[in-house]
C-alpha cells in the first residue's frame, strides 16, 4: 500500500470532519494518522491526513475538493509534484 499526505483547509463546522472521513473511507483509503487544528481565522480548520491505499490518490483528491466546506486540498509530495485545488 502507498501512503499519501494530504493538507486540507475547511470551514469549522461539526459535520466537516465527518464528511472528510466518510469520503476517505468510501474511496477505499485507510486513515493512518490525522491532525486537526484551528486556522488563523477561528472559523476555519486545517486538517492533515496520512492515508494508505493501492488506489490512485487522485480519486480521493478530486472527491475531497468537491466537498462544500473544503476550501483547499493539497497532496503533500516533492515540491515539483504538488497537486492543489
PDB file of N, CA and C in Angstrom:
ATOM      1  N   UNK A   1       0.824  -1.187   0.000  1.00  0.00           N
ATOM      2  CA  UNK A   1       0.000   0.000   0.000  1.00  0.00           C
ATOM      3  C   UNK A   1       0.865   1.247   0.000  1.00  0.00           C
ATOM      4  N   UNK A   2       0.431   2.229  -0.724  1.00  0.00           N
ATOM      5  CA  UNK A   2       1.143   3.506  -0.760  1.00  0.00           C
ATOM      6  C   UNK A   2       0.523   4.469   0.233  1.00  0.00           C
ATOM      7  N   UNK A   3       1.370   5.245   0.892  1.00  0.00           N
ATOM      8  CA  UNK A   3       0.886   6.271   1.812  1.00  0.00           C
ATOM      9  C   UNK A   3       0.991   7.631   1.157  1.00  0.00           C
ATOM     10  N   UNK A   4       0.025   8.476   1.463  1.00  0.00           N
ATOM     11  CA  UNK A   4      -0.017   9.829   0.932  1.00  0.00           C
ATOM     12  C   UNK A   4      -0.376  10.782   2.056  1.00  0.00           C
ATOM     13  N   UNK A   5       0.175  11.984   2.002  1.00  0.00           N
ATOM     14  CA  UNK A   5      -0.163  13.008   2.984  1.00  0.00           C
ATOM     15  C   UNK A   5      -0.984  14.082   2.295  1.00  0.00           C
ATOM     16  N   UNK A   6      -2.068  14.473   2.965  1.00  0.00           N
ATOM     17  CA  UNK A   6      -2.962  15.500   2.451  1.00  0.00           C
ATOM     18  C   UNK A   6      -3.080  16.624   3.461  1.00  0.00           C
ATOM     19  N   UNK A   7      -3.204  17.843   2.964  1.00  0.00           N
ATOM     20  CA  UNK A   7      -3.470  19.006   3.810  1.00  0.00           C
ATOM     21  C   UNK A   7      -4.748  19.657   3.289  1.00  0.00           C
ATOM     22  N   UNK A   8      -5.717  19.858   4.182  1.00  0.00           N
ATOM     23  CA  UNK A   8      -6.986  20.459   3.810  1.00  0.00           C
ATOM     24  C   UNK A   8      -7.224  21.720   4.625  1.00  0.00           C
ATOM     25  N   UNK A   9      -7.819  22.704   4.000  1.00  0.00           N
ATOM     26  CA  UNK A   9      -8.317  23.878   4.696  1.00  0.00           C
ATOM     27  C   UNK A   9      -9.823  23.860   4.525  1.00  0.00           C
ATOM     28  N   UNK A  10     -10.551  24.008   5.627  1.00  0.00           N
ATOM     29  CA  UNK A  10     -12.002  23.887   5.574  1.00  0.00           C
ATOM     30  C   UNK A  10     -12.662  24.805   6.592  1.00  0.00           C
ATOM     31  N   UNK A  11     -13.973  24.967   6.433  1.00  0.00           N
ATOM     32  CA  UNK A  11     -14.759  25.714   7.409  1.00  0.00           C
ATOM     33  C   UNK A  11     -14.934  24.879   8.658  1.00  0.00           C
ATOM     34  N   UNK A  12     -14.908  25.538   9.805  1.00  0.00           N
ATOM     35  CA  UNK A  12     -15.078  24.833  11.075  1.00  0.00           C
ATOM     36  C   UNK A  12     -16.565  24.639  11.338  1.00  0.00           C
ATOM     37  N   UNK A  13     -17.042  23.436  11.025  1.00  0.00           N
ATOM     38  CA  UNK A  13     -18.427  23.044  11.283  1.00  0.00           C
ATOM     39  C   UNK A  13     -18.385  21.624  11.823  1.00  0.00           C
ATOM     40  N   UNK A  14     -19.328  21.272  12.685  1.00  0.00           N
ATOM     41  CA  UNK A  14     -19.303  19.934  13.301  1.00  0.00           C
ATOM     42  C   UNK A  14     -19.288  18.791  12.286  1.00  0.00           C
ATOM     43  N   UNK A  15     -19.960  18.959  11.168  1.00  0.00           N
ATOM     44  CA  UNK A  15     -20.078  17.866  10.199  1.00  0.00           C
ATOM     45  C   UNK A  15     -18.917  17.786   9.211  1.00  0.00           C
ATOM     46  N   UNK A  16     -18.060  18.779   9.161  1.00  0.00           N
ATOM     47  CA  UNK A  16     -16.978  18.794   8.175  1.00  0.00           C
ATOM     48  C   UNK A  16     -16.041  17.608   8.321  1.00  0.00           C
ATOM     49  N   UNK A  17     -15.579  17.355   9.528  1.00  0.00           N
ATOM     50  CA  UNK A  17     -14.658  16.240   9.751  1.00  0.00           C
ATOM     51  C   UNK A  17     -15.317  14.903   9.412  1.00  0.00           C
ATOM     52  N   UNK A  18     -16.590  14.751   9.756  1.00  0.00           N
ATOM     53  CA  UNK A  18     -17.311  13.517   9.430  1.00  0.00           C
ATOM     54  C   UNK A  18     -17.393  13.310   7.920  1.00  0.00           C
ATOM     55  N   UNK A  19     -17.650  14.381   7.175  1.00  0.00           N
ATOM     56  CA  UNK A  19     -17.729  14.271   5.717  1.00  0.00           C
ATOM     57  C   UNK A  19     -16.388  13.876   5.112  1.00  0.00           C
ATOM     58  N   UNK A  20     -15.326  14.493   5.599  1.00  0.00           N
ATOM     59  CA  UNK A  20     -13.994  14.174   5.095  1.00  0.00           C
ATOM     60  C   UNK A  20     -13.682  12.696   5.331  1.00  0.00           C
ATOM     61  N   UNK A  21     -13.924  12.216   6.539  1.00  0.00           N
ATOM     62  CA  UNK A  21     -13.628  10.812   6.863  1.00  0.00           C
ATOM     63  C   UNK A  21     -14.496   9.845   6.064  1.00  0.00           C
ATOM     64  N   UNK A  22     -15.747  10.224   5.817  1.00  0.00           N
ATOM     65  CA  UNK A  22     -16.629   9.356   5.030  1.00  0.00           C
ATOM     66  C   UNK A  22     -16.125   9.240   3.591  1.00  0.00           C
ATOM     67  N   UNK A  23     -15.686  10.344   3.012  1.00  0.00           N
ATOM     68  CA  UNK A  23     -15.153  10.312   1.642  1.00  0.00           C
ATOM     69  C   UNK A  23     -13.891   9.459   1.592  1.00  0.00           C
ATOM     70  N   UNK A  24     -13.020   9.602   2.586  1.00  0.00           N
ATOM     71  CA  UNK A  24     -11.799   8.796   2.643  1.00  0.00           C
ATOM     72  C   UNK A  24     -12.153   7.311   2.639  1.00  0.00           C
ATOM     73  N   UNK A  25     -13.094   6.931   3.463  1.00  0.00           N
ATOM     74  CA  UNK A  25     -13.490   5.519   3.568  1.00  0.00           C
ATOM     75  C   UNK A  25     -14.164   5.029   2.288  1.00  0.00           C
ATOM     76  N   UNK A  26     -15.094   5.816   1.748  1.00  0.00           N
ATOM     77  CA  UNK A  26     -15.827   5.401   0.543  1.00  0.00           C
ATOM     78  C   UNK A  26     -14.927   5.281  -0.675  1.00  0.00           C
ATOM     79  N   UNK A  27     -13.846   6.024  -0.714  1.00  0.00           N
ATOM     80  CA  UNK A  27     -12.918   5.962  -1.846  1.00  0.00           C
ATOM     81  C   UNK A  27     -11.863   4.872  -1.665  1.00  0.00           C
ATOM     82  N   UNK A  28     -11.955   4.108  -0.589  1.00  0.00           N
ATOM     83  CA  UNK A  28     -11.065   2.952  -0.419  1.00  0.00           C
ATOM     84  C   UNK A  28      -9.728   3.272   0.209  1.00  0.00           C
ATOM     85  N   UNK A  29      -9.667   4.338   0.994  1.00  0.00           N
ATOM     86  CA  UNK A  29      -8.430   4.715   1.670  1.00  0.00           C
ATOM     87  C   UNK A  29      -8.563   4.467   3.165  1.00  0.00           C
ATOM     88  N   UNK A  30      -7.449   4.207   3.793  1.00  0.00           N
ATOM     89  CA  UNK A  30      -7.390   3.980   5.232  1.00  0.00           C
ATOM     90  C   UNK A  30      -6.644   5.144   5.866  1.00  0.00           C
ATOM     91  N   UNK A  31      -7.187   5.698   6.950  1.00  0.00           N
ATOM     92  CA  UNK A  31      -6.521   6.789   7.654  1.00  0.00           C
ATOM     93  C   UNK A  31      -5.426   6.206   8.535  1.00  0.00           C
ATOM     94  N   UNK A  32      -4.194   6.640   8.311  1.00  0.00           N
ATOM     95  CA  UNK A  32      -3.056   6.203   9.130  1.00  0.00           C
ATOM     96  C   UNK A  32      -2.798   7.182  10.266  1.00  0.00           C
ATOM     97  N   UNK A  33      -2.963   8.465   9.974  1.00  0.00           N
ATOM     98  CA  UNK A  33      -2.844   9.488  11.017  1.00  0.00           C
ATOM     99  C   UNK A  33      -3.638  10.714  10.593  1.00  0.00           C
ATOM    100  N   UNK A  34      -4.040  11.499  11.602  1.00  0.00           N
ATOM    101  CA  UNK A  34      -4.834  12.690  11.328  1.00  0.00           C
ATOM    102  C   UNK A  34      -4.554  13.725  12.398  1.00  0.00           C
ATOM    103  N   UNK A  35      -4.493  14.983  11.980  1.00  0.00           N
ATOM    104  CA  UNK A  35      -4.315  16.092  12.909  1.00  0.00           C
ATOM    105  C   UNK A  35      -5.207  17.235  12.444  1.00  0.00           C
ATOM    106  N   UNK A  36      -5.976  17.806  13.369  1.00  0.00           N
ATOM    107  CA  UNK A  36      -6.839  18.924  13.053  1.00  0.00           C
ATOM    108  C   UNK A  36      -6.548  20.050  14.025  1.00  0.00           C
ATOM    109  N   UNK A  37      -6.340  21.262  13.504  1.00  0.00           N
ATOM    110  CA  UNK A  37      -6.085  22.434  14.344  1.00  0.00           C
ATOM    111  C   UNK A  37      -6.875  23.615  13.794  1.00  0.00           C
ATOM    112  N   UNK A  38      -7.154  24.566  14.668  1.00  0.00           N
ATOM    113  CA  UNK A  38      -7.807  25.803  14.233  1.00  0.00           C
ATOM    114  C   UNK A  38      -6.847  26.601  13.373  1.00  0.00           C
ATOM    115  N   UNK A  39      -7.386  27.226  12.357  1.00  0.00           N
ATOM    116  CA  UNK A  39      -6.579  28.081  11.484  1.00  0.00           C
ATOM    117  C   UNK A  39      -6.442  29.453  12.133  1.00  0.00           C
ATOM    118  N   UNK A  40      -5.728  30.353  11.492  1.00  0.00           N
ATOM    119  CA  UNK A  40      -5.581  31.719  11.984  1.00  0.00           C
ATOM    120  C   UNK A  40      -6.963  32.348  12.154  1.00  0.00           C
ATOM    121  N   UNK A  41      -7.821  32.125  11.182  1.00  0.00           N
ATOM    122  CA  UNK A  41      -9.218  32.552  11.270  1.00  0.00           C
ATOM    123  C   UNK A  41      -9.977  31.482  12.055  1.00  0.00           C
ATOM    124  N   UNK A  42     -10.575  31.815  13.205  1.00  0.00           N
ATOM    125  CA  UNK A  42     -11.223  30.782  14.038  1.00  0.00           C
ATOM    126  C   UNK A  42     -12.418  30.097  13.383  1.00  0.00           C
ATOM    127  N   UNK A  43     -12.874  30.588  12.244  1.00  0.00           N
ATOM    128  CA  UNK A  43     -13.990  29.942  11.541  1.00  0.00           C
ATOM    129  C   UNK A  43     -13.504  28.836  10.606  1.00  0.00           C
ATOM    130  N   UNK A  44     -12.188  28.652  10.526  1.00  0.00           N
ATOM    131  CA  UNK A  44     -11.607  27.643   9.638  1.00  0.00           C
ATOM    132  C   UNK A  44     -10.741  26.655  10.417  1.00  0.00           C
ATOM    133  N   UNK A  45     -10.513  25.499   9.809  1.00  0.00           N
ATOM    134  CA  UNK A  45      -9.638  24.486  10.390  1.00  0.00           C
ATOM    135  C   UNK A  45      -8.657  23.999   9.330  1.00  0.00           C
ATOM    136  N   UNK A  46      -7.540  23.498   9.793  1.00  0.00           N
ATOM    137  CA  UNK A  46      -6.557  22.829   8.940  1.00  0.00           C
ATOM    138  C   UNK A  46      -6.528  21.362   9.349  1.00  0.00           C
ATOM    139  N   UNK A  47      -6.655  20.487   8.380  1.00  0.00           N
ATOM    140  CA  UNK A  47      -6.648  19.048   8.632  1.00  0.00           C
ATOM    141  C   UNK A  47      -5.484  18.438   7.868  1.00  0.00           C
ATOM    142  N   UNK A  48      -4.660  17.685   8.568  1.00  0.00           N
ATOM    143  CA  UNK A  48      -3.575  16.948   7.927  1.00  0.00           C
ATOM    144  C   UNK A  48      -3.880  15.469   8.056  1.00  0.00           C
ATOM    145  N   UNK A  49      -3.864  14.774   6.942  1.00  0.00           N
ATOM    146  CA  UNK A  49      -4.177  13.343   6.904  1.00  0.00           C
ATOM    147  C   UNK A  49      -3.043  12.573   6.255  1.00  0.00           C
ATOM    148  N   UNK A  50      -2.749  11.416   6.806  1.00  0.00           N
ATOM    149  CA  UNK A  50      -1.912  10.439   6.120  1.00  0.00           C
ATOM    150  C   UNK A  50      -2.823   9.261   5.829  1.00  0.00           C
ATOM    151  N   UNK A  51      -2.952   8.922   4.558  1.00  0.00           N
ATOM    152  CA  UNK A  51      -3.841   7.838   4.144  1.00  0.00           C
ATOM    153  C   UNK A  51      -3.044   6.794   3.376  1.00  0.00           C
ATOM    154  N   UNK A  52      -3.587   5.584   3.335  1.00  0.00           N
ATOM    155  CA  UNK A  52      -2.936   4.485   2.616  1.00  0.00           C
ATOM    156  C   UNK A  52      -3.959   3.764   1.746  1.00  0.00           C
ATOM    157  N   UNK A  53      -3.518   3.355   0.557  1.00  0.00           N
ATOM    158  CA  UNK A  53      -4.372   2.597  -0.345  1.00  0.00           C
ATOM    159  C   UNK A  53      -3.553   2.156  -1.549  1.00  0.00           C
ATOM    160  N   UNK A  54      -4.067   1.169  -2.242  1.00  0.00           N
ATOM    161  CA  UNK A  54      -3.482   0.765  -3.519  1.00  0.00           C
ATOM    162  C   UNK A  54      -4.045   1.622  -4.651  1.00  0.00           C
ATOM    163  N   UNK A  55      -5.116   2.362  -4.371  1.00  0.00           N
ATOM    164  CA  UNK A  55      -5.780   3.182  -5.373  1.00  0.00           C
ATOM    165  C   UNK A  55      -5.029   4.493  -5.591  1.00  0.00           C
ATOM    166  N   UNK A  56      -5.179   5.117  -6.753  1.00  0.00           N
ATOM    167  CA  UNK A  56      -4.508   6.396  -7.025  1.00  0.00           C
ATOM    168  C   UNK A  56      -5.051   7.511  -6.119  1.00  0.00           C
ATOM    169  N   UNK A  57      -4.170   8.361  -5.631  1.00  0.00           N
ATOM    170  CA  UNK A  57      -4.559   9.445  -4.727  1.00  0.00           C
ATOM    171  C   UNK A  57      -5.475  10.449  -5.427  1.00  0.00           C
ATOM    172  N   UNK A  58      -5.417  10.536  -6.739  1.00  0.00           N
ATOM    173  CA  UNK A  58      -6.259  11.473  -7.481  1.00  0.00           C
ATOM    174  C   UNK A  58      -7.746  11.188  -7.264  1.00  0.00           C
ATOM    175  N   UNK A  59      -8.102   9.907  -7.043  1.00  0.00           N
ATOM    176  CA  UNK A  59      -9.501   9.565  -6.782  1.00  0.00           C
ATOM    177  C   UNK A  59     -10.005  10.228  -5.503  1.00  0.00           C
ATOM    178  N   UNK A  60      -9.182  10.233  -4.486  1.00  0.00           N
ATOM    179  CA  UNK A  60      -9.558  10.855  -3.218  1.00  0.00           C
ATOM    180  C   UNK A  60      -9.478  12.372  -3.328  1.00  0.00           C
ATOM    181  N   UNK A  61      -8.432  12.871  -3.944  1.00  0.00           N
ATOM    182  CA  UNK A  61      -8.228  14.309  -4.096  1.00  0.00           C
ATOM    183  C   UNK A  61      -9.430  14.976  -4.766  1.00  0.00           C
ATOM    184  N   UNK A  62      -9.891  14.396  -5.860  1.00  0.00           N
ATOM    185  CA  UNK A  62     -10.995  15.018  -6.604  1.00  0.00           C
ATOM    186  C   UNK A  62     -12.287  15.039  -5.794  1.00  0.00           C
ATOM    187  N   UNK A  63     -12.541  13.999  -5.015  1.00  0.00           N
ATOM    188  CA  UNK A  63     -13.762  13.959  -4.218  1.00  0.00           C
ATOM    189  C   UNK A  63     -13.699  14.904  -3.021  1.00  0.00           C
ATOM    190  N   UNK A  64     -12.546  14.989  -2.366  1.00  0.00           N
ATOM    191  CA  UNK A  64     -12.407  15.918  -1.243  1.00  0.00           C
ATOM    192  C   UNK A  64     -12.542  17.361  -1.720  1.00  0.00           C
ATOM    193  N   UNK A  65     -12.043  17.658  -2.900  1.00  0.00           N
ATOM    194  CA  UNK A  65     -12.126  19.011  -3.452  1.00  0.00           C
ATOM    195  C   UNK A  65     -13.563  19.443  -3.696  1.00  0.00           C
ATOM    196  N   UNK A  66     -14.463  18.488  -3.889  1.00  0.00           N
ATOM    197  CA  UNK A  66     -15.867  18.795  -4.167  1.00  0.00           C
ATOM    198  C   UNK A  66     -16.692  19.067  -2.913  1.00  0.00           C
ATOM    199  N   UNK A  67     -16.168  18.732  -1.739  1.00  0.00           N
ATOM    200  CA  UNK A  67     -16.935  18.946  -0.509  1.00  0.00           C
ATOM    201  C   UNK A  67     -17.184  20.432  -0.284  1.00  0.00           C
ATOM    202  N   UNK A  68     -18.407  20.766   0.082  1.00  0.00           N
ATOM    203  CA  UNK A  68     -18.828  22.163   0.178  1.00  0.00           C
ATOM    204  C   UNK A  68     -18.034  22.964   1.214  1.00  0.00           C
ATOM    205  N   UNK A  69     -17.643  22.368   2.313  1.00  0.00           N
ATOM    206  CA  UNK A  69     -16.932  23.084   3.367  1.00  0.00           C
ATOM    207  C   UNK A  69     -15.421  23.093   3.190  1.00  0.00           C
ATOM    208  N   UNK A  70     -14.917  22.372   2.190  1.00  0.00           N
ATOM    209  CA  UNK A  70     -13.472  22.293   1.964  1.00  0.00           C
ATOM    210  C   UNK A  70     -13.054  23.384   0.981  1.00  0.00           C
ATOM    211  N   UNK A  71     -12.160  24.264   1.421  1.00  0.00           N
ATOM    212  CA  UNK A  71     -11.703  25.372   0.588  1.00  0.00           C
ATOM    213  C   UNK A  71     -10.487  24.994  -0.250  1.00  0.00           C
ATOM    214  N   UNK A  72      -9.625  24.140   0.295  1.00  0.00           N
ATOM    215  CA  UNK A  72      -8.366  23.824  -0.379  1.00  0.00           C
ATOM    216  C   UNK A  72      -7.906  22.428   0.018  1.00  0.00           C
ATOM    217  N   UNK A  73      -7.437  21.658  -0.966  1.00  0.00           N
ATOM    218  CA  UNK A  73      -6.843  20.339  -0.727  1.00  0.00           C
ATOM    219  C   UNK A  73      -5.476  20.335  -1.382  1.00  0.00           C
ATOM    220  N   UNK A  74      -4.484  19.865  -0.661  1.00  0.00           N
ATOM    221  CA  UNK A  74      -3.135  19.785  -1.213  1.00  0.00           C
ATOM    222  C   UNK A  74      -2.555  18.416  -0.893  1.00  0.00           C
ATOM    223  N   UNK A  75      -2.038  17.750  -1.926  1.00  0.00           N
ATOM    224  CA  UNK A  75      -1.350  16.483  -1.734  1.00  0.00           C
ATOM    225  C   UNK A  75       0.108  16.823  -1.485  1.00  0.00           C
ATOM    226  N   UNK A  76       0.610  16.423  -0.325  1.00  0.00           N
ATOM    227  CA  UNK A  76       1.989  16.734   0.058  1.00  0.00           C
ATOM    228  C   UNK A  76       2.932  15.754  -0.625  1.00  0.00           C
ATOM    229  N   UNK A  77       3.668  16.248  -1.600  1.00  0.00           N
ATOM    230  CA  UNK A  77       4.649  15.462  -2.348  1.00  0.00           C
ATOM    231  C   UNK A  77       5.868  16.350  -2.554  1.00  0.00           C
ATOM    232  N   UNK A  78       6.902  15.844  -3.183  1.00  0.00           N
ATOM    233  CA  UNK A  78       8.026  16.738  -3.516  1.00  0.00           C
ATOM    234  C   UNK A  78       7.510  17.977  -4.227  1.00  0.00           C
ATOM    235  N   UNK A  79       8.114  19.122  -3.979  1.00  0.00           N
ATOM    236  CA  UNK A  79       7.618  20.420  -4.441  1.00  0.00           C
ATOM    237  C   UNK A  79       7.253  20.440  -5.925  1.00  0.00           C
ATOM    238  N   UNK A  80       7.961  19.716  -6.752  1.00  0.00           N
ATOM    239  CA  UNK A  80       7.692  19.740  -8.192  1.00  0.00           C
ATOM    240  C   UNK A  80       6.438  18.958  -8.570  1.00  0.00           C
ATOM    241  N   UNK A  81       5.875  18.190  -7.628  1.00  0.00           N
ATOM    242  CA  UNK A  81       4.743  17.333  -7.962  1.00  0.00           C
ATOM    243  C   UNK A  81       3.508  17.630  -7.115  1.00  0.00           C
ATOM    244  N   UNK A  82       3.378  18.800  -6.525  1.00  0.00           N
ATOM    245  CA  UNK A  82       2.232  19.094  -5.677  1.00  0.00           C
ATOM    246  C   UNK A  82       0.981  19.300  -6.525  1.00  0.00           C
ATOM    247  N   UNK A  83      -0.139  18.789  -5.998  1.00  0.00           N
ATOM    248  CA  UNK A  83      -1.442  18.946  -6.636  1.00  0.00           C
ATOM    249  C   UNK A  83      -2.265  19.850  -5.730  1.00  0.00           C
ATOM    250  N   UNK A  84      -2.853  20.903  -6.298  1.00  0.00           N
ATOM    251  CA  UNK A  84      -3.635  21.837  -5.482  1.00  0.00           C
ATOM    252  C   UNK A  84      -4.981  22.114  -6.158  1.00  0.00           C
ATOM    253  N   UNK A  85      -5.970  22.429  -5.298  1.00  0.00           N
ATOM    254  CA  UNK A  85      -7.280  22.863  -5.831  1.00  0.00           C
ATOM    255  C   UNK A  85      -7.823  23.969  -4.973  1.00  0.00           C
TER     256      UNK A  85
END
